[in-house]
Protein backbone atom coordinates (compact mmCIF):
# COMPACT_ATOMS: atom_id res chain seq x y z
CA MET A 1 3.63 -22.06 8.74
CA PHE A 2 -0.34 -21.59 8.74
CA ASN A 3 -2.70 -23.11 11.67
CA TYR A 4 -4.62 -25.61 9.96
CA ASP A 5 -6.50 -26.21 13.16
CA ILE A 6 -8.01 -22.67 13.33
CA PHE A 7 -8.67 -22.38 9.78
CA LEU A 8 -10.65 -25.58 10.21
CA LYS A 9 -13.11 -23.46 12.39
CA SER A 10 -13.09 -20.62 9.91
CA GLY A 11 -16.23 -21.38 7.90
CA ALA A 12 -14.54 -22.46 4.75
CA SER A 13 -13.12 -26.01 5.71
CA MET A 14 -15.66 -28.36 3.89
CA GLU A 15 -15.01 -26.71 0.61
CA TYR A 16 -11.24 -26.16 1.18
CA LYS A 17 -10.90 -29.82 1.93
CA SER A 18 -12.81 -31.21 -0.96
CA ASN A 19 -11.98 -28.89 -3.46
CA GLY A 20 -8.20 -29.12 -4.54
CA LYS A 21 -8.42 -26.00 -6.79
CA PHE A 22 -9.99 -24.11 -4.24
CA GLN A 23 -7.31 -25.20 -1.79
CA GLU A 24 -4.37 -24.17 -3.95
CA PHE A 25 -6.36 -20.61 -4.32
CA THR A 26 -7.04 -20.23 -0.94
CA ILE A 27 -3.29 -20.71 -0.21
CA ALA A 28 -2.05 -18.26 -2.73
CA VAL A 29 -4.16 -15.60 -1.95
CA ARG A 30 -3.39 -15.87 1.80
CA ASN A 31 0.34 -16.06 0.92
CA ALA A 32 0.18 -13.04 -1.08
CA SER A 33 -1.46 -11.20 1.62
CA ASP A 34 0.15 -9.19 4.25
CA ILE A 35 -1.60 -9.88 7.21
CA VAL A 36 -0.12 -7.05 9.23
CA GLY A 37 -0.73 -4.54 6.43
CA ILE A 38 -4.47 -5.60 6.20
CA ILE A 39 -5.74 -5.66 9.75
CA SER A 40 -3.43 -2.39 10.57
CA SER A 41 -5.95 -1.12 8.25
CA TYR A 42 -8.88 -1.59 10.74
CA VAL A 43 -6.81 -1.80 13.82
CA HIS A 44 -4.03 0.17 15.37
CA LEU A 45 -1.30 -2.59 15.73
CA LYS A 46 1.95 -2.25 18.26
CA LYS A 47 4.84 -3.88 17.85
CA SER A 48 5.13 -6.93 20.84
CA GLY A 49 8.57 -9.06 20.40
CA LYS A 50 8.10 -10.95 17.31
CA ASN A 51 4.32 -10.09 16.65
CA PHE A 52 1.79 -7.57 16.85
CA SER A 53 -0.89 -6.68 19.34
CA ALA A 54 -4.16 -4.29 19.91
CA ASN A 55 -7.81 -4.44 21.75
CA CYS A 56 -9.61 -6.68 19.77
CA PRO A 57 -11.93 -5.40 17.49
CA PHE A 58 -14.60 -8.05 17.95
CA HIS A 59 -15.26 -7.67 21.75
CA LEU A 60 -14.63 -4.58 24.73
CA GLU A 61 -11.59 -4.90 26.36
CA ASN A 62 -9.59 -2.35 28.45
CA SER A 63 -6.04 -4.18 27.94
CA PRO A 64 -5.07 -5.47 24.61
CA SER A 65 -5.38 -9.76 24.22
CA PHE A 66 -5.42 -9.52 20.40
CA SER A 67 -2.14 -10.66 18.76
CA VAL A 68 -0.88 -11.24 14.90
CA ASN A 69 1.47 -13.72 14.75
CA THR A 70 3.62 -12.53 11.71
CA GLU A 71 5.51 -15.55 11.46
CA LYS A 72 2.96 -18.09 11.53
CA GLN A 73 0.05 -15.41 9.19
CA PHE A 74 -2.95 -16.10 11.59
CA PHE A 75 -4.52 -13.56 13.98
CA TYR A 76 -5.79 -14.71 17.91
CA CYS A 77 -7.66 -12.93 20.79
CA PHE A 78 -6.79 -14.40 23.83
CA GLY A 79 -10.25 -12.94 25.61
CA CYS A 80 -12.94 -14.11 23.07
CA GLN A 81 -11.18 -16.93 21.44
CA THR A 82 -11.56 -15.44 17.73
CA GLY A 83 -8.84 -16.59 15.23
CA GLY A 84 -7.73 -17.29 11.87
CA ASP A 85 -6.02 -16.53 8.70
CA VAL A 86 -6.40 -12.78 6.94
CA ILE A 87 -9.24 -13.97 5.01
CA LYS A 88 -11.06 -14.79 8.14
CA PHE A 89 -9.90 -11.71 9.41
CA VAL A 90 -11.37 -9.38 6.66
CA GLN A 91 -14.73 -11.71 6.84
CA LEU A 92 -15.41 -11.22 10.67
CA ILE A 93 -14.66 -7.53 10.35
CA GLU A 94 -16.77 -6.59 7.25
CA LYS A 95 -19.31 -8.75 8.24
CA ILE A 96 -19.15 -10.75 4.79
CA THR A 97 -18.82 -14.53 3.95
CA TYR A 98 -15.35 -16.22 3.55
CA ARG A 99 -16.11 -16.75 0.07
CA GLU A 100 -16.36 -13.10 -0.34
CA SER A 101 -13.23 -11.89 1.90
CA LEU A 102 -11.01 -14.66 -0.37
CA PHE A 103 -12.35 -13.16 -3.75
CA LYS A 104 -11.82 -9.26 -2.29
CA LEU A 105 -8.12 -10.10 -1.10
CA ALA A 106 -7.52 -11.94 -4.60
CA GLY A 107 -8.74 -8.80 -6.42
CA LEU A 108 -6.27 -6.45 -3.89
CA ASN A 109 -3.88 -8.78 -5.05
CA GLY A 110 -4.47 -9.27 -8.55
CA ILE A 111 -4.70 -12.93 -8.40
CA PRO A 112 -7.39 -14.12 -10.82
CA ILE A 113 -10.25 -16.08 -9.56
CA PRO A 114 -9.83 -20.00 -11.29
CA SER A 115 -13.12 -20.77 -13.22
CA GLU A 116 -12.98 -24.43 -11.47
CA ILE A 117 -14.18 -22.93 -7.98
CA LYS A 118 -16.95 -21.63 -9.97
CA ALA A 119 -16.28 -17.73 -9.23
CA THR A 120 -18.77 -16.94 -12.04
CA SER A 121 -21.92 -18.53 -10.04
CA PHE A 122 -20.50 -16.99 -7.17
CA THR A 123 -20.37 -13.39 -8.54
CA GLU A 124 -23.90 -13.86 -10.40
CA GLU A 125 -25.11 -14.67 -7.16
CA MET A 126 -23.92 -11.61 -5.36
CA GLN A 127 -24.69 -9.45 -8.11
CA GLU A 128 -28.16 -10.33 -8.04
CA LYS A 129 -28.25 -10.05 -4.06
CA ASN A 130 -27.08 -6.51 -4.41
CA LYS A 131 -29.14 -5.91 -7.72
CA PRO A 132 -31.53 -3.72 -5.54
CA LEU A 133 -29.26 -2.14 -4.14
CA TYR A 134 -27.51 -0.76 -6.89
CA ASN A 135 -30.89 0.22 -8.56
CA LEU A 136 -31.76 2.10 -5.58
CA MET A 137 -28.56 4.01 -5.15
CA ASN A 138 -28.90 4.92 -9.09
CA ASP A 139 -32.29 6.16 -8.30
CA ALA A 140 -31.23 8.14 -5.46
CA THR A 141 -28.42 10.05 -7.58
CA SER A 142 -31.17 11.05 -9.94
CA TYR A 143 -33.28 12.14 -7.38
CA TYR A 144 -30.76 14.31 -5.75
CA VAL A 145 -29.60 15.85 -8.72
CA ARG A 146 -33.44 16.51 -9.74
CA ALA A 147 -33.39 18.02 -6.15
CA LEU A 148 -30.88 20.23 -7.03
CA PHE A 149 -32.72 21.93 -9.99
CA SER A 150 -35.94 22.02 -8.29
CA ASN A 151 -37.64 25.59 -7.28
CA SER A 152 -36.66 25.14 -3.48
CA PRO A 153 -34.88 28.36 -2.04
CA ASP A 154 -32.65 25.95 -0.36
CA ALA A 155 -31.89 24.09 -3.56
CA GLU A 156 -30.92 27.67 -5.40
CA LYS A 157 -28.89 28.21 -2.12
CA ALA A 158 -26.99 24.94 -2.71
CA ARG A 159 -26.62 25.91 -6.97
CA ASN A 160 -25.30 29.57 -6.07
CA TYR A 161 -22.77 27.82 -3.73
CA LEU A 162 -21.49 25.58 -6.48
CA TYR A 163 -21.47 28.03 -9.12
CA SER A 164 -19.11 30.20 -6.38
CA ARG A 165 -16.79 26.95 -6.72
CA GLY A 166 -16.58 27.60 -10.40
CA LEU A 167 -18.71 24.78 -11.31
CA SER A 168 -21.30 25.02 -14.25
CA ASN A 169 -24.79 23.36 -14.82
CA GLU A 170 -22.98 21.10 -17.19
CA ASP A 171 -20.12 20.36 -14.68
CA ILE A 172 -22.73 19.62 -12.09
CA GLU A 173 -24.55 17.23 -14.62
CA LYS A 174 -21.30 15.71 -15.61
CA TYR A 175 -20.04 14.89 -11.90
CA MET A 176 -23.73 14.23 -11.05
CA ILE A 177 -24.15 16.61 -7.76
CA GLY A 178 -27.02 16.58 -6.52
CA TYR A 179 -28.93 17.98 -3.32
CA ALA A 180 -30.84 16.55 -0.23
CA PHE A 181 -33.43 18.64 0.90
CA THR A 182 -33.69 20.07 4.51
CA SER A 183 -36.50 18.05 6.01
CA PRO A 184 -35.29 14.59 7.15
CA ASP A 185 -37.91 12.55 5.92
CA LYS A 186 -38.03 14.07 2.42
CA PHE A 187 -36.12 11.29 0.47
CA ASN A 188 -37.68 7.76 2.22
CA SER A 189 -41.35 9.24 1.73
CA ALA A 190 -40.20 9.88 -1.71
CA VAL A 191 -39.14 6.52 -2.01
CA LEU A 192 -41.75 4.61 -0.18
CA LYS A 193 -44.21 6.51 -2.45
CA SER A 194 -42.84 5.24 -5.54
CA LYS A 195 -43.25 1.63 -4.23
CA LYS A 196 -40.09 0.33 -6.01
CA PHE A 197 -38.15 -0.35 -2.71
CA THR A 198 -38.56 -0.83 0.95
CA ILE A 199 -37.35 0.43 4.20
CA ASP A 200 -34.80 -2.44 4.31
CA GLU A 201 -33.50 -2.05 1.33
CA MET A 202 -32.98 1.61 2.54
CA LEU A 203 -31.55 0.66 5.49
CA ARG A 204 -28.78 -1.71 3.63
CA ALA A 205 -27.70 0.82 1.28
CA GLY A 206 -27.13 3.36 4.11
CA LEU A 207 -29.43 5.91 3.05
CA ILE A 208 -31.86 6.28 5.85
CA SER A 209 -31.28 5.61 9.88
CA LYS A 210 -33.46 4.25 12.23
CA ALA A 211 -33.98 5.71 15.68
CA GLN A 212 -34.31 3.96 19.05
CA ASN A 213 -37.67 4.43 18.90
CA GLY A 214 -37.82 2.82 15.48
CA LYS A 215 -38.70 6.15 13.66
CA ILE A 216 -36.62 6.55 10.51
CA TYR A 217 -35.07 9.45 8.92
CA ASP A 218 -32.86 10.33 6.24
CA ARG A 219 -29.32 10.11 6.74
CA PHE A 220 -28.34 13.05 4.27
CA PHE A 221 -30.41 16.22 4.50
CA SER A 222 -29.60 19.96 3.84
CA ARG A 223 -26.19 18.64 2.05
CA ILE A 224 -24.93 18.76 -1.56
CA MET A 225 -24.64 15.41 -2.77
CA PHE A 226 -21.76 13.41 -4.33
CA PRO A 227 -21.87 10.21 -5.57
CA ILE A 228 -19.65 7.68 -4.74
CA ILE A 229 -19.02 5.62 -8.13
CA ASP A 230 -17.26 2.49 -8.80
CA LYS A 231 -15.12 1.67 -11.63
CA ASN A 232 -18.49 0.00 -13.44
CA ASN A 233 -20.01 3.29 -12.85
CA ARG A 234 -22.52 2.10 -10.15
CA THR A 235 -23.49 4.40 -7.16
CA ILE A 236 -22.09 2.58 -4.23
CA GLY A 237 -22.24 5.63 -1.59
CA PHE A 238 -22.37 9.35 -1.04
CA GLY A 239 -20.61 12.05 0.46
CA GLY A 240 -22.55 15.07 1.62
CA ARG A 241 -21.62 18.32 2.21
CA LEU A 242 -23.37 20.37 4.76
CA LEU A 243 -25.21 23.54 3.06
CA ASP A 244 -24.82 25.83 6.18
CA SER A 245 -21.33 25.08 7.43
CA ALA A 246 -22.15 27.65 10.24
CA ASP A 247 -24.03 24.57 12.11
CA LYS A 248 -21.64 23.70 14.49
CA ASN A 249 -24.18 20.29 15.26
CA MET A 250 -23.49 18.76 11.93
CA PRO A 251 -20.20 17.43 10.22
CA LYS A 252 -19.66 19.28 7.33
CA TYR A 253 -18.77 16.55 5.49
CA LEU A 254 -20.79 12.86 6.08
CA ASN A 255 -20.08 9.81 3.88
CA SER A 256 -22.24 6.69 3.51
CA PRO A 257 -21.79 4.10 6.39
CA GLU A 258 -20.23 0.85 5.82
CA THR A 259 -22.99 -1.46 3.77
CA GLU A 260 -22.73 -4.45 1.21
CA ILE A 261 -21.62 -2.47 -1.72
CA TYR A 262 -19.49 0.67 -0.18
CA LYS A 263 -16.53 -0.66 1.34
CA LYS A 264 -14.51 3.05 2.75
CA ASN A 265 -11.19 1.43 3.34
CA SER A 266 -11.12 0.36 -0.30
CA VAL A 267 -12.85 3.16 -2.40
CA PHE A 268 -11.54 6.09 -4.22
CA TYR A 269 -13.97 8.73 -5.04
CA GLY A 270 -13.47 9.52 -8.98
CA ILE A 271 -12.22 6.15 -9.60
CA ASN A 272 -14.79 5.61 -12.68
CA TRP A 273 -13.01 8.57 -14.25
CA ALA A 274 -9.11 8.08 -13.15
CA ASN A 275 -8.84 4.30 -13.56
CA ASP A 276 -7.81 4.41 -17.40
CA ALA A 277 -5.89 7.44 -17.18
CA ILE A 278 -3.60 5.91 -14.21
CA LEU A 279 -3.44 2.75 -16.32
CA LYS A 280 -2.15 5.06 -19.11
CA THR A 281 0.52 7.12 -17.53
CA GLY A 282 1.51 4.79 -14.39
CA GLU A 283 0.83 8.06 -12.27
CA ALA A 284 -1.88 9.04 -9.83
CA ILE A 285 -2.36 12.04 -7.68
CA LEU A 286 -4.24 11.59 -4.39
CA VAL A 287 -6.28 14.56 -3.32
CA GLU A 288 -8.29 14.95 -0.05
CA GLY A 289 -11.75 16.28 -1.28
CA TYR A 290 -14.42 16.20 -3.80
CA PHE A 291 -13.73 19.39 -5.02
CA ASP A 292 -10.26 19.21 -5.21
CA PHE A 293 -10.75 16.28 -7.52
CA ILE A 294 -13.34 17.88 -9.73
CA ALA A 295 -11.02 21.01 -10.00
CA LEU A 296 -8.34 19.19 -11.15
CA HIS A 297 -10.47 16.64 -13.33
CA ARG A 298 -12.11 19.67 -14.81
CA ALA A 299 -8.49 21.29 -15.97
CA GLY A 300 -7.86 18.41 -17.72
CA ILE A 301 -5.70 16.61 -14.93
CA GLU A 302 -7.18 12.98 -15.55
CA ASN A 303 -5.34 10.60 -13.16
CA VAL A 304 -6.55 12.14 -9.79
CA LEU A 305 -8.09 10.34 -7.31
CA ALA A 306 -9.38 11.39 -3.72
CA THR A 307 -9.86 9.60 -0.59
CA CYS A 308 -13.61 10.16 0.63
CA GLY A 309 -12.66 11.81 3.62
CA THR A 310 -10.88 8.58 5.17
CA ALA A 311 -7.51 7.48 5.97
CA LEU A 312 -5.59 5.52 3.44
CA SER A 313 -5.89 2.01 4.10
CA ALA A 314 -3.61 -1.23 2.69
CA PHE A 315 -6.16 -1.66 0.28
CA HIS A 316 -5.86 1.52 -1.17
CA VAL A 317 -2.38 1.42 -1.03
CA LYS A 318 -2.10 -2.22 -2.85
CA PHE A 319 -4.71 -1.09 -5.42
CA LEU A 320 -2.48 1.55 -6.58
CA GLU A 321 0.28 -0.61 -6.29
CA ASN A 322 -1.29 -2.48 -9.18
CA LYS A 323 -1.69 0.57 -11.20
CA ALA A 324 0.83 3.37 -10.44
CA LYS A 325 4.42 3.62 -10.10
CA ASN A 326 4.71 6.98 -9.08
CA VAL A 327 1.86 8.68 -6.09
CA TYR A 328 1.64 12.18 -6.08
CA LEU A 329 -0.12 13.52 -2.73
CA LEU A 330 -1.88 17.08 -2.82
CA PHE A 331 -3.18 16.94 0.95
CA ASP A 332 -3.14 19.63 3.45
CA MET A 333 0.54 19.90 4.47
CA ASP A 334 -0.14 21.50 8.37
CA GLU A 335 1.30 19.68 10.99
CA ALA A 336 -1.73 17.01 11.41
CA GLY A 337 -1.80 16.32 7.46
CA ILE A 338 2.09 15.88 7.61
CA ARG A 339 1.99 13.54 10.69
CA ALA A 340 -1.11 11.57 8.98
CA THR A 341 0.86 11.34 5.66
CA MET A 342 3.92 9.96 7.45
CA LYS A 343 1.78 6.98 9.06
CA ASN A 344 0.53 6.89 5.15
CA PHE A 345 4.21 6.70 4.04
CA GLU A 346 4.37 3.42 6.47
CA LEU A 347 2.05 1.51 4.03
CA PHE A 348 3.63 2.77 0.73
CA ALA A 349 7.05 2.00 2.34
CA LYS A 350 6.33 -1.77 1.50
CA THR A 351 5.64 -1.50 -2.10
CA ASN A 352 7.47 -0.07 -4.97
CA ILE A 353 5.75 3.12 -5.40
CA ASN A 354 7.50 6.70 -5.45
CA ILE A 355 5.76 9.10 -3.26
CA SER A 356 6.17 12.68 -3.85
CA VAL A 357 4.50 15.93 -2.30
CA ILE A 358 3.00 18.33 -4.30
CA LYS A 359 3.28 21.91 -2.33
CA PHE A 360 2.18 25.08 -3.60
CA GLU A 361 2.05 28.52 -2.17
CA GLY A 362 -1.07 31.20 -1.80
CA ALA A 363 -4.00 28.98 -1.44
CA LYS A 364 -5.27 26.80 0.87
CA ASP A 365 -6.48 23.93 -1.50
CA ALA A 366 -5.82 22.91 -5.08
CA ASP A 367 -9.16 24.11 -6.11
CA GLU A 368 -8.34 27.76 -4.79
CA PHE A 369 -4.79 27.40 -6.76
CA LEU A 370 -6.52 26.46 -10.32
CA LEU A 371 -8.84 29.43 -9.91
CA LYS A 372 -6.37 31.58 -9.02
CA ASN A 373 -3.26 30.32 -11.50
CA GLY A 374 -4.75 28.01 -13.92
CA PRO A 375 -4.11 24.40 -14.82
CA GLU A 376 -0.88 24.93 -16.50
CA LYS A 377 0.83 26.51 -13.52
CA LEU A 378 -0.29 23.65 -11.17
CA ARG A 379 1.24 21.22 -14.17
CA GLU A 380 4.47 23.26 -13.36
CA VAL A 381 4.03 22.61 -9.46
CA ILE A 382 3.27 18.94 -10.25
CA LYS A 383 6.45 18.34 -12.00
CA SER A 384 8.76 19.93 -9.42
CA ALA A 385 6.92 17.85 -6.56
CA LEU A 386 9.52 16.62 -4.03
CA PRO A 387 10.44 13.04 -2.97
CA PHE A 388 8.23 12.91 0.29
CA THR A 389 11.52 11.84 2.64
CA LYS A 390 12.74 15.10 1.07
CA PHE A 391 9.91 16.97 1.90
CA LEU A 392 9.76 16.02 5.16
CA ILE A 393 13.14 16.89 5.94
CA ASN A 394 12.75 20.22 4.36
CA TYR A 395 10.04 20.51 7.03
CA ALA A 396 12.25 19.73 9.75
CA TYR A 397 14.71 22.08 9.05
CA SER A 398 11.96 24.76 8.93
CA LYS A 399 9.92 23.75 11.86
CA PHE A 400 13.15 23.38 13.84
CA GLY A 401 15.78 25.42 12.70
CA LYS A 402 19.64 23.66 12.45
CA ASN A 403 22.08 25.66 14.58
CA SER A 404 21.34 24.58 17.99
CA ILE A 405 21.95 21.55 19.55
CA GLU A 406 18.43 21.16 20.77
CA SER A 407 16.89 22.01 17.34
CA LYS A 408 19.41 19.27 15.67
CA THR A 409 18.05 16.95 18.04
CA GLU A 410 14.22 17.46 17.91
CA ILE A 411 15.21 16.94 13.68
CA VAL A 412 16.69 13.67 14.55
CA ARG A 413 13.90 12.80 16.94
CA PHE A 414 11.03 14.15 14.30
CA LEU A 415 12.56 12.09 11.06
CA ALA A 416 13.71 8.95 12.97
CA PRO A 417 10.34 6.90 12.55
CA HIS A 418 10.13 8.07 9.04
CA ILE A 419 13.67 6.96 8.12
CA ARG A 420 13.58 3.97 9.77
CA THR A 421 10.29 2.70 7.65
CA ILE A 422 12.32 3.41 4.28
CA ALA A 423 12.99 -0.17 2.71
CA SER A 424 15.70 0.20 0.70
CA ASP A 425 19.01 0.44 2.54
CA ILE A 426 20.78 2.49 0.13
CA THR A 427 17.99 5.12 0.13
CA ARG A 428 17.95 4.98 3.92
CA ASN A 429 22.02 5.33 4.02
CA GLN A 430 21.73 7.99 1.41
CA TYR A 431 19.32 10.12 3.19
CA ILE A 432 20.99 10.02 6.88
CA ALA A 433 24.18 10.88 5.05
CA GLU A 434 22.67 13.63 3.62
CA ILE A 435 20.89 14.43 7.00
CA THR A 436 24.08 14.32 9.16
CA GLN A 437 26.27 15.91 6.74
CA GLU A 438 23.91 19.32 6.77
CA LEU A 439 23.26 19.18 10.65
CA GLY A 440 26.98 18.95 11.40
CA ILE A 441 26.38 15.36 13.33
CA SER A 442 27.66 12.12 13.46
CA GLU A 443 26.35 8.98 11.13
CA ASP A 444 26.64 6.49 14.45
CA GLY A 445 24.68 9.16 16.45
CA MET A 446 21.92 9.45 14.67
CA ARG A 447 21.52 5.64 13.61
CA GLU A 448 21.56 4.86 17.59
CA VAL A 449 18.67 7.25 17.77
CA ILE A 450 16.73 5.84 14.57
CA PHE A 451 17.35 2.49 15.41
CA LYS A 452 17.36 2.46 19.25
CA ASN A 453 15.20 -1.14 19.88
CA TYR A 454 15.60 -2.06 16.43
CA LYS A 455 19.12 -3.71 16.71
CA ASP A 456 18.70 -5.67 13.46
CA HIS A 457 19.17 -2.77 10.86
CA SER A 458 21.67 -0.23 13.35
CA THR A 459 24.53 -1.30 10.99
CA SER A 460 22.84 -0.92 7.93
């Protein structure tokens, strides 16, 4: 049961107590939200008995005092005494109102907002509040595009780089790719000269930064700019690729910071183009980078999304679950990429989404593969994608070998965390049987390794 005493401190208590529809709606959103999945999108949680623990995200500490109670569905920090439900957590971590958090989680879970709680007026209020930011981001997009086609030698260098990646001027205009000049004052000076927007609005939009001495400077400079657009075709953020990647003092890619309109843990690059195609096909292809997205989209593969250089979150996964039955991962499958994907699978394992891995040879990424082989060959590779577990098993066999006792032990240890996350008992048992038969080891022995300290499933 939910701890009502904690909820009364959440900032929503007056409306919760006075409005029956709001109360019903709040309970429905809370019950539909996986508090562990949501919080783990922001904080690294560790299992601690029946609950989960972590270092508190709301104050500095050396040992974990932050606890998530899965049975009662609330969090509490014994250090700073911050606590509440999943709605309160999102409110605090994203620095938004309780209502904004409630409506965000409702959208995540596909729950319609009742008209009785005046969602329309609230939505209009938020739109009005953020209207200057959307207008500013729209103007910034146009500014960066104009800069790319200017006579500046650096802009010409940026254009030539894009041409070398196979893009035409038509492509550049379609995807609204731009350029941020080398000077860190060029953009903000132009905005202030126009007198359309203020320094505060540029700060709120994440387009400028302020030094400790109070001096402002452009967040993006000497970068190729990719606008991140929401499904309503509004620019909400940017991803900037450093033009001179030889500069080791600067990150190769830099995204907008968290703002009132840009939340990186729930944003996909390309959703404005891909949304309808994903709904139509029931399938989504996930890639890592802007160029990979553009390469596939240009080739006519429209149900593709990019992760904006961030890890997948529970918000991303829930969004996909509401739209797709099959998700294909087209990531860099080196050691680091595989381990990151294993972590992502833990999120997908709680859904009904089928996860497969697209793997190709002879190219470092999808962009290069398309340039060498064309779209039809890529479609063939997509059709032959392996279920993620099968891909992981094959990878383990290749990495460790299968002939020695030591290699078999390493394979089981490597696969154990993943096999344990498979939600279906039938599927899990089938993979255990397949692996043990291939390796010539006992199922009981493998189960002992997989379910060590997880006694509830050891005999499944």
